Amino acid sequence: MALQEPPAILSPEDHLTDAELAAAEDALTARAEQLRAQLTDAETELGDRITDSVADAPSDLADQGSNAEAFEQEALVTHHVEELLRQTEHALSRIAAGCYSSCEACGGPIGRPRLVAFPRATMCLNCKQDQRS
């Protein structure tokens, strides 16, 4: 088991101000609303595609393959939107809990630059890099 380095001590400029935290919460809330609308549209589109594929089932194998590919693509998009919404809602819950800028892996600070660049971040850069290794 490798020893984990202690989290770096950040200067006050590396922490979000109250105004920046409020702005991040507002932006994440707006993004969550957009994602919910996209998800509703995507789920409706998938439902329509299923209904249409049953009602108008093509007899040509090439058409069946094209329909299956289109369905799979829409399902992937829907899954992606669901994942973005999950991450966004998780970030909002972290703000509400008062731990938004704390790394979920080491407990150290995530840092202002990372949160500004990626508001859904849950780990400091070191822990995220370690996770990918």
C-alpha atoms as a PDB file:
ATOM      1  CA  MET A   1       0.000   0.000   0.000  1.00  0.00           C
ATOM      2  CA  ALA A   2       1.536   3.295  -1.113  1.00  0.00           C
ATOM      3  CA  LEU A   3       1.628   6.186   1.278  1.00  0.00           C
ATOM      4  CA  GLN A   4      -0.510   9.081   0.198  1.00  0.00           C
ATOM      5  CA  GLU A   5       1.054  12.524   0.244  1.00  0.00           C
ATOM      6  CA  PRO A   6      -0.638  15.026   2.520  1.00  0.00           C
ATOM      7  CA  PRO A   7      -2.827  17.518   0.697  1.00  0.00           C
ATOM      8  CA  ALA A   8      -1.093  20.699  -0.364  1.00  0.00           C
ATOM      9  CA  ILE A   9      -1.777  23.779   1.721  1.00  0.00           C
ATOM     10  CA  LEU A  10      -3.561  26.251  -0.498  1.00  0.00           C
ATOM     11  CA  SER A  11      -3.468  29.971  -0.266  1.00  0.00           C
ATOM     12  CA  PRO A  12      -6.744  31.827   0.441  1.00  0.00           C
ATOM     13  CA  GLU A  13      -6.995  32.697  -3.255  1.00  0.00           C
ATOM     14  CA  ASP A  14      -7.349  28.994  -4.008  1.00  0.00           C
ATOM     15  CA  HIS A  15     -10.611  28.732  -2.060  1.00  0.00           C
ATOM     16  CA  LEU A  16     -13.948  29.845  -3.456  1.00  0.00           C
ATOM     17  CA  THR A  17     -15.340  33.018  -1.982  1.00  0.00           C
ATOM     18  CA  ASP A  18     -18.930  33.007  -0.724  1.00  0.00           C
ATOM     19  CA  ALA A  19     -19.946  34.900  -3.873  1.00  0.00           C
ATOM     20  CA  GLU A  20     -18.181  32.352  -6.108  1.00  0.00           C
ATOM     21  CA  LEU A  21     -19.808  29.486  -4.223  1.00  0.00           C
ATOM     22  CA  ALA A  22     -23.241  31.089  -4.671  1.00  0.00           C
ATOM     23  CA  ALA A  23     -22.517  31.630  -8.372  1.00  0.00           C
ATOM     24  CA  ALA A  24     -21.419  27.984  -8.720  1.00  0.00           C
ATOM     25  CA  GLU A  25     -24.622  26.854  -7.017  1.00  0.00           C
ATOM     26  CA  ASP A  26     -26.729  29.034  -9.324  1.00  0.00           C
ATOM     27  CA  ALA A  27     -24.907  27.760 -12.421  1.00  0.00           C
ATOM     28  CA  LEU A  28     -25.202  24.126 -11.310  1.00  0.00           C
ATOM     29  CA  THR A  29     -28.906  24.564 -10.531  1.00  0.00           C
ATOM     30  CA  ALA A  30     -29.521  26.073 -13.980  1.00  0.00           C
ATOM     31  CA  ARG A  31     -27.521  23.259 -15.603  1.00  0.00           C
ATOM     32  CA  ALA A  32     -29.516  20.634 -13.701  1.00  0.00           C
ATOM     33  CA  GLU A  33     -32.750  22.162 -14.999  1.00  0.00           C
ATOM     34  CA  GLN A  34     -31.404  22.098 -18.574  1.00  0.00           C
ATOM     35  CA  LEU A  35     -30.319  18.480 -18.182  1.00  0.00           C
ATOM     36  CA  ARG A  36     -33.709  17.455 -16.779  1.00  0.00           C
ATOM     37  CA  ALA A  37     -35.394  19.017 -19.830  1.00  0.00           C
ATOM     38  CA  GLN A  38     -32.932  17.258 -22.164  1.00  0.00           C
ATOM     39  CA  LEU A  39     -33.546  13.980 -20.371  1.00  0.00           C
ATOM     40  CA  THR A  40     -37.307  14.332 -20.719  1.00  0.00           C
ATOM     41  CA  ASP A  41     -36.899  15.039 -24.443  1.00  0.00           C
ATOM     42  CA  ALA A  42     -34.496  12.123 -24.900  1.00  0.00           C
ATOM     43  CA  GLU A  43     -36.776   9.702 -23.058  1.00  0.00           C
ATOM     44  CA  THR A  44     -39.724  10.841 -25.163  1.00  0.00           C
ATOM     45  CA  GLU A  45     -37.659  10.361 -28.318  1.00  0.00           C
ATOM     46  CA  LEU A  46     -36.657   6.858 -27.219  1.00  0.00           C
ATOM     47  CA  GLY A  47     -40.266   5.963 -26.437  1.00  0.00           C
ATOM     48  CA  ASP A  48     -41.384   7.270 -29.829  1.00  0.00           C
ATOM     49  CA  ARG A  49     -38.637   5.309 -31.576  1.00  0.00           C
ATOM     50  CA  ILE A  50     -39.718   2.098 -29.817  1.00  0.00           C
ATOM     51  CA  THR A  51     -43.356   2.680 -30.730  1.00  0.00           C
ATOM     52  CA  ASP A  52     -42.443   3.485 -34.340  1.00  0.00           C
ATOM     53  CA  SER A  53     -40.119   0.496 -34.660  1.00  0.00           C
ATOM     54  CA  VAL A  54     -42.858  -1.871 -33.528  1.00  0.00           C
ATOM     55  CA  ALA A  55     -45.566  -0.302 -35.687  1.00  0.00           C
ATOM     56  CA  ASP A  56     -43.415   0.161 -38.790  1.00  0.00           C
ATOM     57  CA  ALA A  57     -41.016  -2.771 -38.475  1.00  0.00           C
ATOM     58  CA  PRO A  58     -39.070  -2.887 -41.733  1.00  0.00           C
ATOM     59  CA  SER A  59     -38.691  -6.200 -43.463  1.00  0.00           C
ATOM     60  CA  ASP A  60     -35.319  -5.219 -44.941  1.00  0.00           C
ATOM     61  CA  LEU A  61     -32.390  -6.278 -42.747  1.00  0.00           C
ATOM     62  CA  ALA A  62     -30.445  -3.119 -43.641  1.00  0.00           C
ATOM     63  CA  ASP A  63     -33.342  -0.947 -42.461  1.00  0.00           C
ATOM     64  CA  GLN A  64     -33.610  -2.974 -39.267  1.00  0.00           C
ATOM     65  CA  GLY A  65     -29.896  -2.454 -38.669  1.00  0.00           C
ATOM     66  CA  SER A  66     -30.198   1.286 -39.289  1.00  0.00           C
ATOM     67  CA  ASN A  67     -33.110   1.525 -36.874  1.00  0.00           C
ATOM     68  CA  ALA A  68     -31.205  -0.448 -34.224  1.00  0.00           C
ATOM     69  CA  GLU A  69     -28.159   1.788 -34.654  1.00  0.00           C
ATOM     70  CA  ALA A  70     -30.262   4.960 -34.313  1.00  0.00           C
ATOM     71  CA  PHE A  71     -31.920   3.551 -31.195  1.00  0.00           C
ATOM     72  CA  GLU A  72     -28.548   2.640 -29.691  1.00  0.00           C
ATOM     73  CA  GLN A  73     -27.208   6.144 -30.397  1.00  0.00           C
ATOM     74  CA  GLU A  74     -30.222   7.763 -28.717  1.00  0.00           C
ATOM     75  CA  ALA A  75     -29.850   5.417 -25.737  1.00  0.00           C
ATOM     76  CA  LEU A  76     -26.176   6.421 -25.383  1.00  0.00           C
ATOM     77  CA  VAL A  77     -27.078  10.117 -25.480  1.00  0.00           C
ATOM     78  CA  THR A  78     -29.767   9.531 -22.860  1.00  0.00           C
ATOM     79  CA  HIS A  79     -27.291   7.696 -20.634  1.00  0.00           C
ATOM     80  CA  HIS A  80     -24.771  10.547 -21.008  1.00  0.00           C
ATOM     81  CA  VAL A  81     -27.378  13.148 -20.023  1.00  0.00           C
ATOM     82  CA  GLU A  82     -28.397  11.004 -17.028  1.00  0.00           C
ATOM     83  CA  GLU A  83     -24.771  10.812 -15.883  1.00  0.00           C
ATOM     84  CA  LEU A  84     -24.241  14.577 -16.241  1.00  0.00           C
ATOM     85  CA  LEU A  85     -27.416  15.179 -14.245  1.00  0.00           C
ATOM     86  CA  ARG A  86     -26.275  12.755 -11.532  1.00  0.00           C
ATOM     87  CA  GLN A  87     -22.905  14.532 -11.262  1.00  0.00           C
ATOM     88  CA  THR A  88     -24.551  17.955 -11.216  1.00  0.00           C
ATOM     89  CA  GLU A  89     -27.039  16.961  -8.512  1.00  0.00           C
ATOM     90  CA  HIS A  90     -24.182  15.434  -6.496  1.00  0.00           C
ATOM     91  CA  ALA A  91     -22.270  18.728  -6.703  1.00  0.00           C
ATOM     92  CA  LEU A  92     -25.368  20.581  -5.505  1.00  0.00           C
ATOM     93  CA  SER A  93     -25.753  18.180  -2.574  1.00  0.00           C
ATOM     94  CA  ARG A  94     -22.092  18.756  -1.674  1.00  0.00           C
ATOM     95  CA  ILE A  95     -22.698  22.505  -1.645  1.00  0.00           C
ATOM     96  CA  ALA A  96     -25.713  22.007   0.629  1.00  0.00           C
ATOM     97  CA  ALA A  97     -23.651  19.788   2.938  1.00  0.00           C
ATOM     98  CA  GLY A  98     -20.817  22.326   3.095  1.00  0.00           C
ATOM     99  CA  CYS A  99     -18.190  20.004   1.613  1.00  0.00           C
ATOM    100  CA  TYR A 100     -18.189  21.200  -2.009  1.00  0.00           C
ATOM    101  CA  SER A 101     -14.513  22.148  -2.069  1.00  0.00           C
ATOM    102  CA  SER A 102     -13.257  19.092  -0.146  1.00  0.00           C
ATOM    103  CA  CYS A 103     -11.811  16.104  -1.999  1.00  0.00           C
ATOM    104  CA  GLU A 104     -13.912  12.968  -1.529  1.00  0.00           C
ATOM    105  CA  ALA A 105     -10.784  10.800  -1.638  1.00  0.00           C
ATOM    106  CA  CYS A 106      -8.279  12.522   0.674  1.00  0.00           C
ATOM    107  CA  GLY A 107     -10.392  15.172   2.403  1.00  0.00           C
ATOM    108  CA  GLY A 108      -8.050  17.931   1.332  1.00  0.00           C
ATOM    109  CA  PRO A 109      -9.131  21.001  -0.605  1.00  0.00           C
ATOM    110  CA  ILE A 110     -10.013  20.615  -4.276  1.00  0.00           C
ATOM    111  CA  GLY A 111      -8.853  24.129  -5.036  1.00  0.00           C
ATOM    112  CA  ARG A 112     -10.469  27.103  -6.674  1.00  0.00           C
ATOM    113  CA  PRO A 113      -8.889  26.715 -10.141  1.00  0.00           C
ATOM    114  CA  ARG A 114     -10.184  23.145 -10.484  1.00  0.00           C
ATOM    115  CA  LEU A 115     -13.691  23.997  -9.261  1.00  0.00           C
ATOM    116  CA  VAL A 116     -13.888  26.995 -11.571  1.00  0.00           C
ATOM    117  CA  ALA A 117     -12.763  24.863 -14.518  1.00  0.00           C
ATOM    118  CA  PHE A 118     -14.883  21.829 -13.594  1.00  0.00           C
ATOM    119  CA  PRO A 119     -17.714  22.659 -11.159  1.00  0.00           C
ATOM    120  CA  ARG A 120     -18.742  18.993 -10.820  1.00  0.00           C
ATOM    121  CA  ALA A 121     -15.285  17.995  -9.517  1.00  0.00           C
ATOM    122  CA  THR A 122     -15.328  15.772  -6.446  1.00  0.00           C
ATOM    123  CA  MET A 123     -11.591  15.114  -6.148  1.00  0.00           C
ATOM    124  CA  CYS A 124      -8.474  17.217  -6.034  1.00  0.00           C
ATOM    125  CA  LEU A 125      -6.243  16.975  -9.068  1.00  0.00           C
ATOM    126  CA  ASN A 126      -3.730  14.655  -7.362  1.00  0.00           C
ATOM    127  CA  CYS A 127      -6.394  12.135  -6.340  1.00  0.00           C
ATOM    128  CA  LYS A 128      -8.039  12.256  -9.765  1.00  0.00           C
ATOM    129  CA  GLN A 129      -4.693  11.580 -11.439  1.00  0.00           C
ATOM    130  CA  ASP A 130      -4.028   8.715  -9.008  1.00  0.00           C
ATOM    131  CA  GLN A 131      -7.447   7.263  -9.831  1.00  0.00           C
ATOM    132  CA  ARG A 132      -6.580   7.173 -13.536  1.00  0.00           C
ATOM    133  CA  SER A 133      -3.240   5.412 -12.976  1.00  0.00           C
END
